[in-house]
Amino acid sequence: MNRTEFIAVTAIILFVAFAAGWFAYWLLHRFTRVSVKDLDELDRMARSLHDAEESRDEAITYLQQREAELTNQLAQTEAELRAAMEGLRNARSEVERLRSELDSRQETRTA
């Protein structure tokens, strides 16, 4: 094989390698290409996800506000309960005092 034949064979081999590489790239691009329909679906899903995240954030904010309101209401109710229990305790002690006073007066009348 002389020099000219060697150059020609090398050029043919390089051209075939280039053609095979280009064909492989075209095939890969053809099968992995994203269609407009897929992009529209992806955009719709992204919007839906964004809306869902906003709804979740609003729900979390609402729940936090509601929890704060209920905690405040519970604290007020507990304070009212403590006041009512204190008043009941005072009334019972007053009733006991009055009973004992009434009993001592009845004893002095009978004696």
N, C-alpha and C. Protein backbone atom coordinates (compact mmCIF):
# COMPACT_ATOMS: atom_id res chain seq x y z
N MET A 1 0.86 -1.16 0.00
CA MET A 1 0.00 0.00 0.00
C MET A 1 0.91 1.23 0.00
N ASN A 2 0.69 2.05 -1.00
CA ASN A 2 1.53 3.23 -1.09
C ASN A 2 0.88 4.40 -0.36
N ARG A 3 1.52 5.51 -0.44
CA ARG A 3 1.10 6.67 0.36
C ARG A 3 -0.27 7.19 -0.08
N THR A 4 -0.56 7.25 -1.31
CA THR A 4 -1.83 7.76 -1.83
C THR A 4 -2.98 6.85 -1.40
N GLU A 5 -2.77 5.55 -1.52
CA GLU A 5 -3.81 4.61 -1.10
C GLU A 5 -4.07 4.72 0.41
N PHE A 6 -2.99 4.87 1.14
CA PHE A 6 -3.12 5.00 2.60
C PHE A 6 -3.95 6.25 2.97
N ILE A 7 -3.67 7.36 2.29
CA ILE A 7 -4.41 8.60 2.55
C ILE A 7 -5.87 8.43 2.18
N ALA A 8 -6.15 7.79 1.07
CA ALA A 8 -7.53 7.59 0.61
C ALA A 8 -8.28 6.68 1.59
N VAL A 9 -7.68 5.59 2.02
CA VAL A 9 -8.32 4.67 2.96
C VAL A 9 -8.55 5.38 4.30
N THR A 10 -7.59 6.16 4.75
CA THR A 10 -7.74 6.89 6.01
C THR A 10 -8.88 7.91 5.89
N ALA A 11 -8.96 8.60 4.74
CA ALA A 11 -10.02 9.58 4.52
C ALA A 11 -11.39 8.90 4.50
N ILE A 12 -11.48 7.76 3.86
CA ILE A 12 -12.76 7.02 3.82
C ILE A 12 -13.14 6.56 5.23
N ILE A 13 -12.19 6.03 5.98
CA ILE A 13 -12.47 5.58 7.34
C ILE A 13 -12.92 6.75 8.21
N LEU A 14 -12.25 7.89 8.10
CA LEU A 14 -12.64 9.07 8.87
C LEU A 14 -14.03 9.56 8.46
N PHE A 15 -14.32 9.53 7.15
CA PHE A 15 -15.64 9.96 6.69
C PHE A 15 -16.73 9.02 7.21
N VAL A 16 -16.47 7.72 7.16
CA VAL A 16 -17.44 6.74 7.68
C VAL A 16 -17.63 6.95 9.18
N ALA A 17 -16.58 7.20 9.94
CA ALA A 17 -16.69 7.45 11.37
C ALA A 17 -17.50 8.72 11.63
N PHE A 18 -17.24 9.77 10.81
CA PHE A 18 -18.01 11.00 10.95
C PHE A 18 -19.48 10.75 10.65
N ALA A 19 -19.78 10.03 9.58
CA ALA A 19 -21.16 9.75 9.19
C ALA A 19 -21.85 8.91 10.27
N ALA A 20 -21.14 7.92 10.83
CA ALA A 20 -21.73 7.10 11.90
C ALA A 20 -22.00 7.94 13.14
N GLY A 21 -21.09 8.84 13.48
CA GLY A 21 -21.29 9.71 14.63
C GLY A 21 -22.44 10.67 14.42
N TRP A 22 -22.51 11.24 13.22
CA TRP A 22 -23.62 12.15 12.92
C TRP A 22 -24.96 11.40 12.96
N PHE A 23 -24.99 10.19 12.40
CA PHE A 23 -26.23 9.40 12.40
C PHE A 23 -26.62 9.02 13.83
N ALA A 24 -25.65 8.66 14.67
CA ALA A 24 -25.94 8.33 16.07
C ALA A 24 -26.48 9.56 16.81
N TYR A 25 -25.89 10.73 16.55
CA TYR A 25 -26.39 11.96 17.17
C TYR A 25 -27.81 12.25 16.70
N TRP A 26 -28.07 12.12 15.40
CA TRP A 26 -29.41 12.38 14.87
C TRP A 26 -30.44 11.43 15.48
N LEU A 27 -30.05 10.14 15.59
CA LEU A 27 -30.96 9.15 16.18
C LEU A 27 -31.24 9.48 17.64
N LEU A 28 -30.20 9.80 18.39
CA LEU A 28 -30.37 10.14 19.80
C LEU A 28 -31.23 11.39 19.95
N HIS A 29 -30.96 12.39 19.14
CA HIS A 29 -31.74 13.63 19.19
C HIS A 29 -33.19 13.36 18.80
N ARG A 30 -33.41 12.48 17.86
CA ARG A 30 -34.76 12.17 17.39
C ARG A 30 -35.58 11.50 18.49
N PHE A 31 -34.98 10.61 19.26
CA PHE A 31 -35.72 9.87 20.28
C PHE A 31 -35.82 10.60 21.61
N THR A 32 -34.92 11.53 21.87
CA THR A 32 -34.95 12.24 23.15
C THR A 32 -35.48 13.66 23.01
N ARG A 33 -35.95 14.03 21.86
CA ARG A 33 -36.45 15.38 21.64
C ARG A 33 -37.73 15.59 22.45
N VAL A 34 -37.83 16.75 23.05
CA VAL A 34 -39.00 17.11 23.86
C VAL A 34 -39.98 17.84 22.95
N SER A 35 -41.20 17.34 22.93
CA SER A 35 -42.20 17.95 22.05
C SER A 35 -42.84 19.16 22.72
N VAL A 36 -43.52 19.96 21.94
CA VAL A 36 -44.22 21.13 22.46
C VAL A 36 -45.32 20.68 23.42
N LYS A 37 -45.96 19.57 23.10
CA LYS A 37 -47.00 19.02 23.97
C LYS A 37 -46.43 18.69 25.35
N ASP A 38 -45.23 18.08 25.36
CA ASP A 38 -44.60 17.76 26.65
C ASP A 38 -44.22 19.02 27.41
N LEU A 39 -43.76 20.05 26.71
CA LEU A 39 -43.41 21.30 27.38
C LEU A 39 -44.65 21.97 27.95
N ASP A 40 -45.76 21.92 27.19
CA ASP A 40 -47.01 22.49 27.71
C ASP A 40 -47.48 21.75 28.95
N GLU A 41 -47.36 20.44 28.92
CA GLU A 41 -47.74 19.62 30.09
C GLU A 41 -46.85 19.94 31.27
N LEU A 42 -45.57 20.12 31.03
CA LEU A 42 -44.62 20.46 32.09
C LEU A 42 -44.95 21.83 32.68
N ASP A 43 -45.28 22.80 31.84
CA ASP A 43 -45.68 24.13 32.32
C ASP A 43 -46.95 24.05 33.15
N ARG A 44 -47.93 23.25 32.70
CA ARG A 44 -49.17 23.11 33.44
C ARG A 44 -48.92 22.47 34.80
N MET A 45 -48.07 21.46 34.84
CA MET A 45 -47.74 20.81 36.11
C MET A 45 -47.00 21.78 37.03
N ALA A 46 -46.12 22.61 36.48
CA ALA A 46 -45.40 23.59 37.30
C ALA A 46 -46.37 24.61 37.89
N ARG A 47 -47.34 25.06 37.07
CA ARG A 47 -48.34 26.00 37.59
C ARG A 47 -49.18 25.35 38.68
N SER A 48 -49.57 24.10 38.45
CA SER A 48 -50.37 23.38 39.46
C SER A 48 -49.59 23.23 40.76
N LEU A 49 -48.32 22.90 40.64
CA LEU A 49 -47.48 22.76 41.83
C LEU A 49 -47.36 24.09 42.56
N HIS A 50 -47.18 25.16 41.81
CA HIS A 50 -47.07 26.49 42.42
C HIS A 50 -48.37 26.84 43.15
N ASP A 51 -49.50 26.59 42.50
CA ASP A 51 -50.80 26.87 43.13
C ASP A 51 -50.99 26.02 44.38
N ALA A 52 -50.59 24.76 44.31
CA ALA A 52 -50.71 23.88 45.48
C ALA A 52 -49.83 24.37 46.63
N GLU A 53 -48.64 24.83 46.33
CA GLU A 53 -47.76 25.35 47.37
C GLU A 53 -48.35 26.61 48.00
N GLU A 54 -48.94 27.48 47.18
CA GLU A 54 -49.58 28.68 47.72
C GLU A 54 -50.75 28.31 48.62
N SER A 55 -51.54 27.34 48.18
CA SER A 55 -52.68 26.89 49.00
C SER A 55 -52.19 26.31 50.31
N ARG A 56 -51.12 25.52 50.24
CA ARG A 56 -50.55 24.94 51.46
C ARG A 56 -50.08 26.03 52.42
N ASP A 57 -49.39 27.04 51.88
CA ASP A 57 -48.91 28.14 52.72
C ASP A 57 -50.07 28.90 53.36
N GLU A 58 -51.13 29.12 52.58
CA GLU A 58 -52.30 29.80 53.13
C GLU A 58 -52.95 28.96 54.23
N ALA A 59 -53.02 27.66 54.00
CA ALA A 59 -53.62 26.77 55.00
C ALA A 59 -52.79 26.76 56.27
N ILE A 60 -51.48 26.74 56.13
CA ILE A 60 -50.60 26.75 57.30
C ILE A 60 -50.77 28.06 58.07
N THR A 61 -50.84 29.17 57.35
CA THR A 61 -51.05 30.47 58.01
C THR A 61 -52.38 30.50 58.74
N TYR A 62 -53.44 30.01 58.08
CA TYR A 62 -54.76 29.97 58.71
C TYR A 62 -54.73 29.10 59.97
N LEU A 63 -54.09 27.94 59.87
CA LEU A 63 -54.03 27.05 61.03
C LEU A 63 -53.24 27.67 62.18
N GLN A 64 -52.18 28.37 61.86
CA GLN A 64 -51.41 29.02 62.91
C GLN A 64 -52.23 30.13 63.59
N GLN A 65 -52.96 30.89 62.79
CA GLN A 65 -53.81 31.93 63.38
C GLN A 65 -54.91 31.31 64.23
N ARG A 66 -55.51 30.26 63.71
CA ARG A 66 -56.60 29.59 64.45
C ARG A 66 -56.07 28.99 65.74
N GLU A 67 -54.88 28.41 65.69
CA GLU A 67 -54.27 27.84 66.89
C GLU A 67 -54.01 28.93 67.93
N ALA A 68 -53.53 30.08 67.47
CA ALA A 68 -53.28 31.19 68.40
C ALA A 68 -54.59 31.66 69.03
N GLU A 69 -55.65 31.76 68.22
CA GLU A 69 -56.95 32.16 68.75
C GLU A 69 -57.45 31.17 69.79
N LEU A 70 -57.34 29.88 69.46
CA LEU A 70 -57.83 28.86 70.39
C LEU A 70 -56.99 28.81 71.67
N THR A 71 -55.69 29.02 71.53
CA THR A 71 -54.84 29.05 72.72
C THR A 71 -55.22 30.22 73.61
N ASN A 72 -55.47 31.37 73.00
CA ASN A 72 -55.89 32.54 73.76
C ASN A 72 -57.24 32.29 74.43
N GLN A 73 -58.17 31.69 73.70
CA GLN A 73 -59.49 31.39 74.26
C GLN A 73 -59.37 30.39 75.40
N LEU A 74 -58.51 29.40 75.25
CA LEU A 74 -58.30 28.42 76.31
C LEU A 74 -57.72 29.09 77.55
N ALA A 75 -56.76 29.99 77.37
CA ALA A 75 -56.17 30.69 78.52
C ALA A 75 -57.23 31.53 79.23
N GLN A 76 -58.10 32.20 78.46
CA GLN A 76 -59.16 32.99 79.07
C GLN A 76 -60.14 32.10 79.84
N THR A 77 -60.49 30.96 79.24
CA THR A 77 -61.41 30.04 79.90
C THR A 77 -60.81 29.48 81.17
N GLU A 78 -59.53 29.17 81.14
CA GLU A 78 -58.86 28.66 82.34
C GLU A 78 -58.82 29.73 83.43
N ALA A 79 -58.60 30.98 83.03
CA ALA A 79 -58.60 32.06 84.01
C ALA A 79 -59.99 32.23 84.62
N GLU A 80 -61.03 32.15 83.79
CA GLU A 80 -62.39 32.23 84.31
C GLU A 80 -62.70 31.06 85.24
N LEU A 81 -62.21 29.89 84.89
CA LEU A 81 -62.42 28.71 85.74
C LEU A 81 -61.73 28.89 87.09
N ARG A 82 -60.50 29.38 87.07
CA ARG A 82 -59.80 29.63 88.33
C ARG A 82 -60.55 30.63 89.19
N ALA A 83 -61.06 31.70 88.55
CA ALA A 83 -61.81 32.72 89.29
C ALA A 83 -63.09 32.12 89.86
N ALA A 84 -63.78 31.29 89.07
CA ALA A 84 -65.01 30.66 89.55
C ALA A 84 -64.72 29.70 90.70
N MET A 85 -63.64 28.95 90.59
CA MET A 85 -63.27 28.01 91.66
C MET A 85 -62.90 28.78 92.93
N GLU A 86 -62.20 29.87 92.79
CA GLU A 86 -61.85 30.70 93.95
C GLU A 86 -63.12 31.26 94.60
N GLY A 87 -64.06 31.74 93.77
CA GLY A 87 -65.32 32.24 94.30
C GLY A 87 -66.10 31.14 95.00
N LEU A 88 -66.12 29.94 94.43
CA LEU A 88 -66.80 28.80 95.05
C LEU A 88 -66.14 28.45 96.38
N ARG A 89 -64.83 28.46 96.41
CA ARG A 89 -64.09 28.17 97.65
C ARG A 89 -64.44 29.21 98.72
N ASN A 90 -64.46 30.48 98.32
CA ASN A 90 -64.82 31.54 99.27
C ASN A 90 -66.25 31.37 99.76
N ALA A 91 -67.16 31.02 98.85
CA ALA A 91 -68.57 30.84 99.25
C ALA A 91 -68.70 29.67 100.21
N ARG A 92 -67.99 28.59 99.97
CA ARG A 92 -68.05 27.43 100.87
C ARG A 92 -67.51 27.78 102.25
N SER A 93 -66.41 28.51 102.26
CA SER A 93 -65.86 28.88 103.58
C SER A 93 -66.83 29.83 104.31
N GLU A 94 -67.48 30.71 103.55
CA GLU A 94 -68.46 31.61 104.15
C GLU A 94 -69.65 30.83 104.67
N VAL A 95 -70.10 29.82 103.92
CA VAL A 95 -71.21 28.98 104.37
C VAL A 95 -70.80 28.23 105.63
N GLU A 96 -69.60 27.71 105.66
CA GLU A 96 -69.12 27.00 106.86
C GLU A 96 -69.08 27.94 108.06
N ARG A 97 -68.59 29.14 107.84
CA ARG A 97 -68.52 30.10 108.93
C ARG A 97 -69.92 30.44 109.44
N LEU A 98 -70.85 30.65 108.50
CA LEU A 98 -72.21 30.97 108.90
C LEU A 98 -72.88 29.79 109.61
N ARG A 99 -72.62 28.58 109.17
CA ARG A 99 -73.18 27.40 109.83
C ARG A 99 -72.67 27.29 111.27
N SER A 100 -71.35 27.47 111.38
CA SER A 100 -70.79 27.36 112.73
C SER A 100 -71.35 28.46 113.64
N GLU A 101 -71.52 29.66 113.08
CA GLU A 101 -72.09 30.75 113.86
C GLU A 101 -73.55 30.45 114.22
N LEU A 102 -74.28 29.90 113.27
CA LEU A 102 -75.67 29.54 113.52
C LEU A 102 -75.77 28.43 114.57
N ASP A 103 -74.88 27.45 114.45
CA ASP A 103 -74.86 26.36 115.46
C ASP A 103 -74.53 26.88 116.84
N SER A 104 -73.58 27.81 116.93
CA SER A 104 -73.22 28.36 118.26
C SER A 104 -74.37 29.19 118.81
N ARG A 105 -75.12 29.89 117.99
CA ARG A 105 -76.27 30.65 118.48
C ARG A 105 -77.39 29.72 118.93
N GLN A 106 -77.58 28.63 118.21
CA GLN A 106 -78.62 27.69 118.61
C GLN A 106 -78.26 27.01 119.92
N GLU A 107 -76.99 26.75 120.13
CA GLU A 107 -76.55 26.13 121.37
C GLU A 107 -76.76 27.09 122.56
N THR A 108 -76.48 28.38 122.30
CA THR A 108 -76.67 29.35 123.38
C THR A 108 -78.16 29.54 123.69
N ARG A 109 -79.06 29.41 122.77
CA ARG A 109 -80.48 29.54 123.00
C ARG A 109 -81.03 28.33 123.74
N THR A 110 -80.52 27.17 123.40
CA THR A 110 -81.02 25.98 124.06
C THR A 110 -80.42 25.81 125.43
N ALA A 111 -79.35 26.39 125.67
CA ALA A 111 -78.73 26.20 126.98
C ALA A 111 -79.18 27.16 128.01
